[in-house]
Amino acid sequence: RGHRKTYIGAMPGRIIDAVTRAKVSNPLILLDEIDKITRDAHGDPASALLEVLDPDQNKNFRDHFIELPFDLSECLFIATANTLDTIPRPLLDRMEVIEMKTYSKQEKLAIAKNHLIPKQFKRHNLKKSRVRIDDATILEIIDKYTAEAGVRNLERQISTVCRKVVRQMLENPEKNIYRISVKNISEYL
């Protein structure tokens, strides 16, 4: 809701700021990780969002900074969350919940091969010709070393493997090719 103009350094709230930056009256506003909002001494964002997301109330949204009703009825709000458990029930009642499925193993494998491994190889200055990680090994990492819907931990595990390969290269500079397999992945992780 912003700060009242009587405060030094007063600014409009996040919603009005987003509409202002979009330079249109009907923007799409993404509220990322809405399940992590918390009430503190500075206010309760959930109560402001109740007004923002309610079609009967958002025609006359009041930001403390502009002190005039602002029509948010043309704005489209999309919120993301990892869990619905921590979202206040009245706020959740004003949303249409669309559950997204997690990545399948094959999708994670494709993401690892096409994006994560090349990124980590570049970050660790490794050449594809010297380090081999086959599909079965990537699937083993997905199954046994990560337990998540996304791929953050998968990238961390790949980074760990890369760091250990770099260490091995420094300890044994004569060796040309490093094969990471299902049999030896436990040595790396």
Protein backbone atom coordinates (compact mmCIF):
# COMPACT_ATOMS: atom_id res chain seq x y z
CA ARG A 1 0.00 0.00 0.00
CA GLY A 2 3.00 2.34 0.11
CA HIS A 3 3.91 5.06 2.58
CA ARG A 4 1.91 8.16 3.42
CA LYS A 5 3.43 11.31 1.95
CA THR A 6 4.16 12.63 5.42
CA TYR A 7 7.09 10.16 5.74
CA ILE A 8 10.53 11.08 4.48
CA GLY A 9 11.32 8.97 1.43
CA ALA A 10 7.67 7.98 0.97
CA MET A 11 6.96 5.83 -2.06
CA PRO A 12 3.94 4.17 -3.64
CA GLY A 13 3.33 0.50 -2.88
CA ARG A 14 4.48 -2.39 -5.07
CA ILE A 15 1.16 -2.72 -6.92
CA ILE A 16 0.90 0.95 -7.91
CA ASP A 17 4.62 0.98 -8.72
CA ALA A 18 4.16 -2.04 -11.03
CA VAL A 19 1.22 -0.41 -12.83
CA THR A 20 3.21 2.81 -13.19
CA ARG A 21 6.25 1.01 -14.62
CA ALA A 22 4.07 -1.00 -17.02
CA LYS A 23 2.66 2.30 -18.40
CA VAL A 24 -0.69 0.64 -19.09
CA SER A 25 -3.81 0.36 -16.98
CA ASN A 26 -4.28 -3.36 -17.69
CA PRO A 27 -0.91 -5.03 -16.99
CA LEU A 28 -0.23 -8.62 -16.07
CA ILE A 29 1.31 -8.58 -12.60
CA LEU A 30 3.18 -11.65 -11.36
CA LEU A 31 3.16 -12.20 -7.60
CA ASP A 32 6.01 -14.68 -7.20
CA GLU A 33 6.04 -17.14 -4.28
CA ILE A 34 2.94 -15.75 -2.60
CA ASP A 35 3.15 -18.59 -0.07
CA LYS A 36 6.14 -16.83 1.53
CA ILE A 37 4.44 -13.54 2.47
CA THR A 38 4.58 -12.75 6.17
CA ARG A 39 3.06 -10.23 8.51
CA ASP A 40 5.53 -8.02 10.37
CA ALA A 41 5.79 -4.61 12.00
CA HIS A 42 5.56 -2.93 8.57
CA GLY A 43 2.15 -4.39 7.79
CA ASP A 44 0.29 -7.38 6.46
CA PRO A 45 0.63 -7.85 2.70
CA ALA A 46 -2.09 -10.52 2.73
CA SER A 47 -4.73 -7.99 3.77
CA ALA A 48 -3.75 -5.64 0.94
CA LEU A 49 -3.80 -8.57 -1.49
CA LEU A 50 -7.32 -9.46 -0.32
CA GLU A 51 -8.45 -6.10 -1.61
CA VAL A 52 -6.33 -6.27 -4.76
CA LEU A 53 -7.54 -9.72 -5.81
CA ASP A 54 -11.22 -9.23 -4.96
CA PRO A 55 -13.09 -8.01 -8.08
CA ASP A 56 -15.68 -6.23 -5.92
CA GLN A 57 -13.03 -4.22 -4.04
CA ASN A 58 -10.18 -3.67 -6.49
CA LYS A 59 -12.07 -0.98 -8.43
CA ASN A 60 -11.35 1.38 -5.52
CA PHE A 61 -7.91 0.26 -4.33
CA ARG A 62 -6.33 2.89 -2.09
CA ASP A 63 -2.56 3.23 -1.92
CA HIS A 64 -1.37 5.31 1.05
CA PHE A 65 0.94 7.32 -1.22
CA ILE A 66 -1.53 8.46 -3.90
CA GLU A 67 -4.46 8.70 -1.41
CA LEU A 68 -7.00 8.36 -4.21
CA PRO A 69 -8.98 5.31 -5.33
CA PHE A 70 -7.23 3.47 -8.16
CA ASP A 71 -9.03 1.02 -10.45
CA LEU A 72 -7.18 -2.32 -10.59
CA SER A 73 -10.09 -4.23 -12.14
CA GLU A 74 -8.36 -4.38 -15.55
CA CYS A 75 -5.11 -5.81 -14.12
CA LEU A 76 -4.49 -9.53 -14.43
CA PHE A 77 -2.76 -11.01 -11.38
CA ILE A 78 -0.91 -14.32 -11.52
CA ALA A 79 0.56 -15.71 -8.32
CA THR A 80 3.01 -18.57 -7.90
CA ALA A 81 3.40 -20.75 -4.83
CA ASN A 82 5.21 -23.91 -3.85
CA THR A 83 2.54 -24.87 -1.36
CA LEU A 84 -1.02 -23.78 -0.63
CA ASP A 85 -0.71 -24.58 3.09
CA THR A 86 0.81 -21.23 4.10
CA ILE A 87 -1.48 -18.99 2.04
CA PRO A 88 -4.21 -17.45 4.22
CA ARG A 89 -7.56 -19.11 3.45
CA PRO A 90 -9.46 -15.87 2.64
CA LEU A 91 -6.74 -14.96 0.14
CA LEU A 92 -6.78 -18.43 -1.39
CA ASP A 93 -10.57 -18.20 -1.82
CA ARG A 94 -10.08 -15.24 -4.16
CA MET A 95 -7.78 -17.19 -6.46
CA GLU A 96 -8.31 -19.78 -9.13
CA VAL A 97 -5.78 -22.50 -8.35
CA ILE A 98 -4.07 -24.20 -11.28
CA GLU A 99 -1.74 -26.99 -10.18
CA MET A 100 1.28 -27.61 -12.36
CA LYS A 101 2.80 -31.04 -12.57
CA THR A 102 6.46 -31.49 -11.75
CA TYR A 103 9.07 -32.32 -14.36
CA SER A 104 9.17 -35.93 -15.45
CA LYS A 105 12.46 -37.84 -15.30
CA GLN A 106 12.83 -37.53 -19.06
CA GLU A 107 12.26 -33.77 -18.93
CA LYS A 108 14.86 -33.42 -16.16
CA LEU A 109 17.26 -35.53 -18.22
CA ALA A 110 16.77 -33.26 -21.24
CA ILE A 111 17.22 -30.12 -19.10
CA ALA A 112 20.41 -31.55 -17.59
CA LYS A 113 21.89 -32.58 -20.95
CA ASN A 114 20.95 -29.44 -22.86
CA HIS A 115 21.37 -26.76 -20.21
CA LEU A 116 22.72 -27.70 -16.78
CA ILE A 117 25.73 -29.80 -17.79
CA PRO A 118 26.94 -27.37 -20.50
CA LYS A 119 26.49 -24.49 -18.04
CA GLN A 120 28.48 -26.25 -15.30
CA PHE A 121 31.16 -27.40 -17.76
CA LYS A 122 31.62 -23.79 -18.84
CA ARG A 123 31.65 -22.56 -15.24
CA HIS A 124 34.31 -25.14 -14.28
CA ASN A 125 36.28 -24.81 -17.53
CA LEU A 126 35.70 -28.45 -18.49
CA LYS A 127 35.71 -29.77 -22.02
CA LYS A 128 33.03 -32.15 -23.25
CA SER A 129 35.73 -34.24 -24.89
CA ARG A 130 37.40 -34.96 -21.52
CA VAL A 131 34.38 -35.60 -19.26
CA ARG A 132 31.67 -38.08 -20.12
CA ILE A 133 28.40 -38.38 -18.22
CA ASP A 134 25.94 -40.79 -19.79
CA ASP A 135 22.14 -40.69 -19.56
CA ALA A 136 21.97 -43.56 -17.08
CA THR A 137 24.23 -41.63 -14.70
CA ILE A 138 22.14 -38.47 -14.96
CA LEU A 139 19.02 -40.53 -14.23
CA GLU A 140 20.81 -42.06 -11.23
CA ILE A 141 21.56 -38.56 -9.91
CA ILE A 142 17.91 -37.59 -10.43
CA ASP A 143 16.62 -40.71 -8.65
CA LYS A 144 19.06 -41.11 -5.79
CA TYR A 145 20.63 -37.70 -5.12
CA THR A 146 17.79 -35.20 -5.68
CA ALA A 147 14.30 -35.11 -4.23
CA GLU A 148 12.56 -32.11 -5.69
CA ALA A 149 10.02 -31.07 -8.29
CA GLY A 150 12.44 -28.68 -10.03
CA VAL A 151 16.07 -28.91 -11.07
CA ARG A 152 17.97 -26.69 -8.59
CA ASN A 153 19.36 -29.61 -6.59
CA LEU A 154 20.13 -31.45 -9.81
CA GLU A 155 22.27 -28.52 -10.91
CA ARG A 156 23.99 -28.46 -7.49
CA GLN A 157 24.83 -32.17 -7.78
CA ILE A 158 26.19 -31.70 -11.31
CA SER A 159 28.29 -28.80 -10.00
CA THR A 160 29.64 -31.07 -7.24
CA VAL A 161 30.61 -33.69 -9.83
CA CYS A 162 32.36 -31.03 -11.92
CA ARG A 163 34.34 -29.71 -8.95
CA LYS A 164 35.54 -33.21 -8.08
CA VAL A 165 36.53 -33.86 -11.70
CA VAL A 166 38.55 -30.62 -11.69
CA ARG A 167 40.27 -31.74 -8.49
CA GLN A 168 41.08 -35.12 -10.07
CA MET A 169 42.47 -33.36 -13.14
CA LEU A 170 44.78 -31.32 -10.96
CA GLU A 171 45.92 -34.36 -9.00
CA ASN A 172 46.36 -36.53 -12.10
CA PRO A 173 47.13 -34.31 -15.14
CA GLU A 174 48.12 -37.29 -17.34
CA LYS A 175 44.61 -38.75 -17.44
CA ASN A 176 42.72 -37.62 -20.55
CA ILE A 177 39.12 -38.82 -20.16
CA TYR A 178 36.95 -38.93 -17.06
CA ARG A 179 33.90 -41.18 -17.28
CA ILE A 180 31.21 -40.60 -14.71
CA SER A 181 29.04 -43.72 -14.55
CA VAL A 182 26.37 -45.30 -12.38
CA LYS A 183 29.14 -47.44 -10.85
CA ASN A 184 31.33 -44.56 -9.72
CA ILE A 185 28.85 -41.72 -9.17
CA SER A 186 28.92 -42.31 -5.41
CA GLU A 187 32.60 -41.35 -5.43
CA TYR A 188 31.66 -37.94 -6.80
CA LEU A 189 28.57 -37.25 -4.68
